[in-house]
Amino acid sequence: MFTGIIEATGSVTGIESNGKNRHFWIHSPLLSELHIDQSIAHNGVCLTVDALSKNAYRVTAIDETLRKTNLGNWENGTILNLEQCMVMNGRLDGHIVQGHVDTVATCTSTTDAEGSWVFRFEVPQAFANLIIEKGSIAINGVSLTLFDVSINSFSVAIIPYTYHHTNLQYLTTGTEVNIEFDIIGKYVNRWHQLQSASKS
């Protein structure tokens, strides 16, 4: 379980393939705090540390993860947003994030708002019912608030701290990002679907 408050960024330093799986070696200032079997959110994707070296740690993504996230686009030098799992006696500063990415969205515009930045994204039509005005969303693992919601697109505003301390600063038009919708909204939507189905 995560909160969407990014602790640090890391960079991919090596990539290895094993069948359909892909191993990523990552250098990060969090390295000294990590241990084998620990869960870390990478761009919002929960991955398990499975090896450690002096300068990096390794995580493995299976085919299912590669197909449903932007991990397949990672290459040496890719900058990642990192968050360790939450401590249950701590504050929930963002919102409840599972690290289970739902889909990939595309950045359709970036705007320098003279003190902040506004990014607009488009999600697949099938997920349109999960975006609501002022709702929560995790974009590359960052907890953000939606506004200016249309059928299947929305905007988010980024404050300077978040911009300079995450990989959102590198987004350009056409960039693909990992999206996790609010878990509460997903449960409510599922309940509504079942209620509607039982009445038909």
C-alpha atoms as a PDB file:
ATOM      1  CA  MET A   1       0.000   0.000   0.000  1.00  0.00           C
ATOM      2  CA  PHE A   2       1.262   3.464  -0.943  1.00  0.00           C
ATOM      3  CA  THR A   3       0.180   7.093  -0.634  1.00  0.00           C
ATOM      4  CA  GLY A   4       1.294   8.662  -3.909  1.00  0.00           C
ATOM      5  CA  ILE A   5       3.845  10.903  -2.179  1.00  0.00           C
ATOM      6  CA  ILE A   6       7.122  10.344  -4.018  1.00  0.00           C
ATOM      7  CA  GLU A   7      10.202   9.869  -1.814  1.00  0.00           C
ATOM      8  CA  ALA A   8      12.910   9.994  -4.462  1.00  0.00           C
ATOM      9  CA  THR A   9      13.658   9.431  -8.102  1.00  0.00           C
ATOM     10  CA  GLY A  10      15.893   6.701  -9.442  1.00  0.00           C
ATOM     11  CA  SER A  11      17.392   5.811 -12.800  1.00  0.00           C
ATOM     12  CA  VAL A  12      17.491   2.573 -14.759  1.00  0.00           C
ATOM     13  CA  THR A  13      21.089   1.381 -15.036  1.00  0.00           C
ATOM     14  CA  GLY A  14      20.622  -2.030 -16.603  1.00  0.00           C
ATOM     15  CA  ILE A  15      17.982  -4.192 -18.291  1.00  0.00           C
ATOM     16  CA  GLU A  16      18.026  -7.977 -18.667  1.00  0.00           C
ATOM     17  CA  SER A  17      15.485 -10.254 -20.346  1.00  0.00           C
ATOM     18  CA  ASN A  18      14.552 -13.744 -19.158  1.00  0.00           C
ATOM     19  CA  GLY A  19      11.852 -15.308 -21.296  1.00  0.00           C
ATOM     20  CA  LYS A  20       8.948 -12.849 -21.242  1.00  0.00           C
ATOM     21  CA  ASN A  21      10.175 -11.303 -17.993  1.00  0.00           C
ATOM     22  CA  ARG A  22      12.363  -8.236 -17.791  1.00  0.00           C
ATOM     23  CA  HIS A  23      14.792  -7.425 -14.970  1.00  0.00           C
ATOM     24  CA  PHE A  24      15.565  -3.771 -14.230  1.00  0.00           C
ATOM     25  CA  TRP A  25      18.578  -2.586 -12.243  1.00  0.00           C
ATOM     26  CA  ILE A  26      17.892   0.767 -10.596  1.00  0.00           C
ATOM     27  CA  HIS A  27      20.170   3.257  -8.889  1.00  0.00           C
ATOM     28  CA  SER A  28      18.510   5.338  -6.192  1.00  0.00           C
ATOM     29  CA  PRO A  29      19.327   7.330  -3.048  1.00  0.00           C
ATOM     30  CA  LEU A  30      16.971   4.914  -1.262  1.00  0.00           C
ATOM     31  CA  LEU A  31      19.352   2.011  -1.874  1.00  0.00           C
ATOM     32  CA  SER A  32      20.775   1.896   1.669  1.00  0.00           C
ATOM     33  CA  GLU A  33      17.237   1.522   3.102  1.00  0.00           C
ATOM     34  CA  LEU A  34      16.181  -1.393   0.912  1.00  0.00           C
ATOM     35  CA  HIS A  35      16.164  -5.138   1.494  1.00  0.00           C
ATOM     36  CA  ILE A  36      15.240  -8.237  -0.493  1.00  0.00           C
ATOM     37  CA  ASP A  37      11.469  -8.875  -0.788  1.00  0.00           C
ATOM     38  CA  GLN A  38      10.612  -5.217  -0.153  1.00  0.00           C
ATOM     39  CA  SER A  39       7.823  -3.635  -2.193  1.00  0.00           C
ATOM     40  CA  ILE A  40       8.613  -0.373  -3.973  1.00  0.00           C
ATOM     41  CA  ALA A  41       6.339   1.648  -6.257  1.00  0.00           C
ATOM     42  CA  HIS A  42       8.128   2.521  -9.517  1.00  0.00           C
ATOM     43  CA  ASN A  43       6.155   5.072 -11.537  1.00  0.00           C
ATOM     44  CA  GLY A  44       3.201   3.756  -9.552  1.00  0.00           C
ATOM     45  CA  VAL A  45       3.888   0.071 -10.241  1.00  0.00           C
ATOM     46  CA  CYS A  46       4.460  -2.111  -7.171  1.00  0.00           C
ATOM     47  CA  LEU A  47       7.572  -4.227  -7.776  1.00  0.00           C
ATOM     48  CA  THR A  48       9.586  -6.423  -5.413  1.00  0.00           C
ATOM     49  CA  VAL A  49      13.286  -5.963  -4.768  1.00  0.00           C
ATOM     50  CA  ASP A  50      14.824  -9.315  -5.704  1.00  0.00           C
ATOM     51  CA  ALA A  51      18.542  -8.518  -5.785  1.00  0.00           C
ATOM     52  CA  LEU A  52      20.924  -5.920  -4.375  1.00  0.00           C
ATOM     53  CA  SER A  53      24.376  -4.778  -5.444  1.00  0.00           C
ATOM     54  CA  LYS A  54      26.671  -2.047  -4.196  1.00  0.00           C
ATOM     55  CA  ASN A  55      25.234   0.582  -6.532  1.00  0.00           C
ATOM     56  CA  ALA A  56      21.781  -0.629  -7.531  1.00  0.00           C
ATOM     57  CA  TYR A  57      18.878  -2.941  -6.803  1.00  0.00           C
ATOM     58  CA  ARG A  58      16.921  -5.198  -9.132  1.00  0.00           C
ATOM     59  CA  VAL A  59      13.202  -5.675  -9.727  1.00  0.00           C
ATOM     60  CA  THR A  60      11.445  -7.984 -12.177  1.00  0.00           C
ATOM     61  CA  ALA A  61       8.406  -7.245 -14.335  1.00  0.00           C
ATOM     62  CA  ILE A  62       6.412 -10.120 -15.778  1.00  0.00           C
ATOM     63  CA  ASP A  63       4.703 -10.041 -19.177  1.00  0.00           C
ATOM     64  CA  GLU A  64       1.336  -8.964 -17.695  1.00  0.00           C
ATOM     65  CA  THR A  65       2.951  -5.926 -16.082  1.00  0.00           C
ATOM     66  CA  LEU A  66       4.885  -5.005 -19.209  1.00  0.00           C
ATOM     67  CA  ARG A  67       1.719  -5.108 -21.312  1.00  0.00           C
ATOM     68  CA  LYS A  68      -0.454  -2.997 -18.989  1.00  0.00           C
ATOM     69  CA  THR A  69       2.033  -0.294 -17.981  1.00  0.00           C
ATOM     70  CA  ASN A  70       4.716   1.892 -19.532  1.00  0.00           C
ATOM     71  CA  LEU A  71       7.528  -0.357 -18.222  1.00  0.00           C
ATOM     72  CA  GLY A  72       8.057  -1.691 -21.714  1.00  0.00           C
ATOM     73  CA  ASN A  73       9.268   1.795 -22.673  1.00  0.00           C
ATOM     74  CA  TRP A  74      11.943   1.943 -19.961  1.00  0.00           C
ATOM     75  CA  GLU A  75      15.538   2.080 -21.128  1.00  0.00           C
ATOM     76  CA  ASN A  76      18.902   2.814 -19.548  1.00  0.00           C
ATOM     77  CA  GLY A  77      18.754   6.304 -18.075  1.00  0.00           C
ATOM     78  CA  THR A  78      14.962   6.408 -17.643  1.00  0.00           C
ATOM     79  CA  ILE A  79      14.077   8.436 -14.535  1.00  0.00           C
ATOM     80  CA  LEU A  80      11.554   6.776 -12.199  1.00  0.00           C
ATOM     81  CA  ASN A  81       9.365   8.019  -9.346  1.00  0.00           C
ATOM     82  CA  LEU A  82       9.949   5.871  -6.252  1.00  0.00           C
ATOM     83  CA  GLU A  83       7.945   5.326  -3.067  1.00  0.00           C
ATOM     84  CA  GLN A  84       8.420   2.729  -0.360  1.00  0.00           C
ATOM     85  CA  CYS A  85       5.292   1.114   1.057  1.00  0.00           C
ATOM     86  CA  MET A  86       3.460   3.135   3.676  1.00  0.00           C
ATOM     87  CA  VAL A  87       3.899   2.695   7.415  1.00  0.00           C
ATOM     88  CA  MET A  88       0.503   2.035   8.982  1.00  0.00           C
ATOM     89  CA  ASN A  89       1.107   4.397  11.892  1.00  0.00           C
ATOM     90  CA  GLY A  90       2.021   7.273   9.586  1.00  0.00           C
ATOM     91  CA  ARG A  91       0.012   9.996   7.891  1.00  0.00           C
ATOM     92  CA  LEU A  92      -1.794   9.335   4.621  1.00  0.00           C
ATOM     93  CA  ASP A  93      -0.618  12.503   2.910  1.00  0.00           C
ATOM     94  CA  GLY A  94      -1.860  11.598  -0.578  1.00  0.00           C
ATOM     95  CA  HIS A  95      -4.570   8.991  -1.092  1.00  0.00           C
ATOM     96  CA  ILE A  96      -4.770   5.186  -0.972  1.00  0.00           C
ATOM     97  CA  VAL A  97      -2.599   3.842  -3.798  1.00  0.00           C
ATOM     98  CA  GLN A  98      -2.194   0.099  -4.298  1.00  0.00           C
ATOM     99  CA  GLY A  99       0.584   0.107  -6.864  1.00  0.00           C
ATOM    100  CA  HIS A 100      -1.701  -1.801  -9.259  1.00  0.00           C
ATOM    101  CA  VAL A 101      -1.756   0.196 -12.475  1.00  0.00           C
ATOM    102  CA  ASP A 102      -5.070   0.163 -14.334  1.00  0.00           C
ATOM    103  CA  THR A 103      -4.032   1.531 -17.700  1.00  0.00           C
ATOM    104  CA  VAL A 104      -1.696   3.838 -19.583  1.00  0.00           C
ATOM    105  CA  ALA A 105      -2.732   7.404 -20.430  1.00  0.00           C
ATOM    106  CA  THR A 106      -1.253   9.796 -22.974  1.00  0.00           C
ATOM    107  CA  CYS A 107      -0.199  13.357 -22.203  1.00  0.00           C
ATOM    108  CA  THR A 108      -1.983  15.580 -24.720  1.00  0.00           C
ATOM    109  CA  SER A 109      -0.706  18.985 -23.613  1.00  0.00           C
ATOM    110  CA  THR A 110       1.660  20.707 -21.189  1.00  0.00           C
ATOM    111  CA  THR A 111       1.254  24.301 -20.026  1.00  0.00           C
ATOM    112  CA  ASP A 112       3.603  26.497 -18.027  1.00  0.00           C
ATOM    113  CA  ALA A 113       1.175  28.399 -15.780  1.00  0.00           C
ATOM    114  CA  GLU A 114       3.800  30.820 -14.440  1.00  0.00           C
ATOM    115  CA  GLY A 115       4.393  29.240 -11.054  1.00  0.00           C
ATOM    116  CA  SER A 116       2.784  25.880 -11.666  1.00  0.00           C
ATOM    117  CA  TRP A 117       2.337  23.473 -14.554  1.00  0.00           C
ATOM    118  CA  VAL A 118      -0.844  22.035 -16.037  1.00  0.00           C
ATOM    119  CA  PHE A 119      -0.813  18.687 -17.826  1.00  0.00           C
ATOM    120  CA  ARG A 120      -3.714  17.207 -19.743  1.00  0.00           C
ATOM    121  CA  PHE A 121      -4.166  13.469 -20.257  1.00  0.00           C
ATOM    122  CA  GLU A 122      -6.410  11.172 -22.239  1.00  0.00           C
ATOM    123  CA  VAL A 123      -7.371   7.728 -20.955  1.00  0.00           C
ATOM    124  CA  PRO A 124      -8.936   4.861 -22.930  1.00  0.00           C
ATOM    125  CA  GLN A 125     -12.690   5.305 -23.277  1.00  0.00           C
ATOM    126  CA  ALA A 126     -13.333   2.160 -21.214  1.00  0.00           C
ATOM    127  CA  PHE A 127     -12.040   3.961 -18.099  1.00  0.00           C
ATOM    128  CA  ALA A 128     -13.987   7.197 -18.577  1.00  0.00           C
ATOM    129  CA  ASN A 129     -16.398   6.330 -15.749  1.00  0.00           C
ATOM    130  CA  LEU A 130     -13.517   6.364 -13.228  1.00  0.00           C
ATOM    131  CA  ILE A 131     -12.499  10.004 -13.667  1.00  0.00           C
ATOM    132  CA  ILE A 132     -14.468  12.637 -11.773  1.00  0.00           C
ATOM    133  CA  GLU A 133     -14.015  16.347 -11.100  1.00  0.00           C
ATOM    134  CA  LYS A 134     -11.808  16.909  -8.013  1.00  0.00           C
ATOM    135  CA  GLY A 135     -11.246  13.152  -7.686  1.00  0.00           C
ATOM    136  CA  SER A 136      -7.920  11.504  -6.843  1.00  0.00           C
ATOM    137  CA  ILE A 137      -5.654   9.745  -9.305  1.00  0.00           C
ATOM    138  CA  ALA A 138      -2.084   8.395  -9.320  1.00  0.00           C
ATOM    139  CA  ILE A 139      -0.023   9.393 -12.361  1.00  0.00           C
ATOM    140  CA  ASN A 140       3.347   7.627 -12.520  1.00  0.00           C
ATOM    141  CA  GLY A 141       2.734   7.003  -8.829  1.00  0.00           C
ATOM    142  CA  VAL A 142       2.100  10.669  -7.936  1.00  0.00           C
ATOM    143  CA  SER A 143      -1.121  11.432  -6.035  1.00  0.00           C
ATOM    144  CA  LEU A 144      -2.918  14.237  -7.875  1.00  0.00           C
ATOM    145  CA  THR A 145      -6.340  15.868  -8.137  1.00  0.00           C
ATOM    146  CA  LEU A 146      -8.278  15.929 -11.398  1.00  0.00           C
ATOM    147  CA  PHE A 147     -10.035  18.975 -12.821  1.00  0.00           C
ATOM    148  CA  ASP A 148     -11.523  20.101 -16.129  1.00  0.00           C
ATOM    149  CA  VAL A 149     -12.780  16.549 -16.685  1.00  0.00           C
ATOM    150  CA  SER A 150     -14.373  15.736 -20.051  1.00  0.00           C
ATOM    151  CA  ILE A 151     -15.581  12.342 -21.251  1.00  0.00           C
ATOM    152  CA  ASN A 152     -12.194  10.602 -21.179  1.00  0.00           C
ATOM    153  CA  SER A 153      -9.675  13.370 -20.562  1.00  0.00           C
ATOM    154  CA  PHE A 154      -8.685  15.532 -17.631  1.00  0.00           C
ATOM    155  CA  SER A 155      -6.108  17.986 -16.361  1.00  0.00           C
ATOM    156  CA  VAL A 156      -3.900  18.094 -13.280  1.00  0.00           C
ATOM    157  CA  ALA A 157      -1.959  21.025 -11.839  1.00  0.00           C
ATOM    158  CA  ILE A 158       1.564  20.476 -10.546  1.00  0.00           C
ATOM    159  CA  ILE A 159       3.150  22.618  -7.839  1.00  0.00           C
ATOM    160  CA  PRO A 160       6.854  23.488  -8.124  1.00  0.00           C
ATOM    161  CA  TYR A 161       7.974  21.004  -5.432  1.00  0.00           C
ATOM    162  CA  THR A 162       6.258  18.073  -7.145  1.00  0.00           C
ATOM    163  CA  TYR A 163       7.470  19.211 -10.566  1.00  0.00           C
ATOM    164  CA  HIS A 164      11.118  19.414  -9.504  1.00  0.00           C
ATOM    165  CA  HIS A 165      11.143  16.249  -7.355  1.00  0.00           C
ATOM    166  CA  THR A 166       9.425  13.799  -9.726  1.00  0.00           C
ATOM    167  CA  ASN A 167       9.748  12.716 -13.342  1.00  0.00           C
ATOM    168  CA  LEU A 168       6.650  14.754 -14.279  1.00  0.00           C
ATOM    169  CA  GLN A 169       9.068  17.509 -15.271  1.00  0.00           C
ATOM    170  CA  TYR A 170      10.103  15.383 -18.248  1.00  0.00           C
ATOM    171  CA  LEU A 171       6.599  14.891 -19.651  1.00  0.00           C
ATOM    172  CA  THR A 172       5.957  16.090 -23.172  1.00  0.00           C
ATOM    173  CA  THR A 173       3.001  15.770 -25.516  1.00  0.00           C
ATOM    174  CA  GLY A 174       2.654  12.109 -26.446  1.00  0.00           C
ATOM    175  CA  THR A 175       4.375  10.731 -23.324  1.00  0.00           C
ATOM    176  CA  GLU A 176       2.685   7.636 -21.880  1.00  0.00           C
ATOM    177  CA  VAL A 177       2.148   7.506 -18.118  1.00  0.00           C
ATOM    178  CA  ASN A 178       0.907   4.860 -15.701  1.00  0.00           C
ATOM    179  CA  ILE A 179      -2.548   5.488 -14.263  1.00  0.00           C
ATOM    180  CA  GLU A 180      -4.112   4.052 -11.124  1.00  0.00           C
ATOM    181  CA  PHE A 181      -7.658   5.182 -10.427  1.00  0.00           C
ATOM    182  CA  ASP A 182      -9.006   5.732  -6.921  1.00  0.00           C
ATOM    183  CA  ILE A 183      -9.729   2.341  -5.314  1.00  0.00           C
ATOM    184  CA  ILE A 184     -12.876   3.658  -3.587  1.00  0.00           C
ATOM    185  CA  GLY A 185     -14.222   4.881  -6.905  1.00  0.00           C
ATOM    186  CA  LYS A 186     -13.521   1.479  -8.469  1.00  0.00           C
ATOM    187  CA  TYR A 187     -15.469  -0.346  -5.751  1.00  0.00           C
ATOM    188  CA  VAL A 188     -18.413   2.070  -6.062  1.00  0.00           C
ATOM    189  CA  ASN A 189     -18.397   1.658  -9.830  1.00  0.00           C
ATOM    190  CA  ARG A 190     -18.339  -2.144  -9.529  1.00  0.00           C
ATOM    191  CA  TRP A 191     -21.234  -2.077  -7.040  1.00  0.00           C
ATOM    192  CA  HIS A 192     -23.243   0.098  -9.406  1.00  0.00           C
ATOM    193  CA  GLN A 193     -22.555  -2.250 -12.323  1.00  0.00           C
ATOM    194  CA  LEU A 194     -23.758  -5.254 -10.315  1.00  0.00           C
ATOM    195  CA  GLN A 195     -26.857  -3.400  -9.144  1.00  0.00           C
ATOM    196  CA  SER A 196     -27.716  -2.437 -12.702  1.00  0.00           C
ATOM    197  CA  ALA A 197     -27.124  -5.997 -13.931  1.00  0.00           C
ATOM    198  CA  SER A 198     -29.419  -7.469 -11.256  1.00  0.00           C
ATOM    199  CA  LYS A 199     -32.264  -5.172 -12.336  1.00  0.00           C
ATOM    200  CA  SER A 200     -32.000  -6.031 -16.025  1.00  0.00           C
END
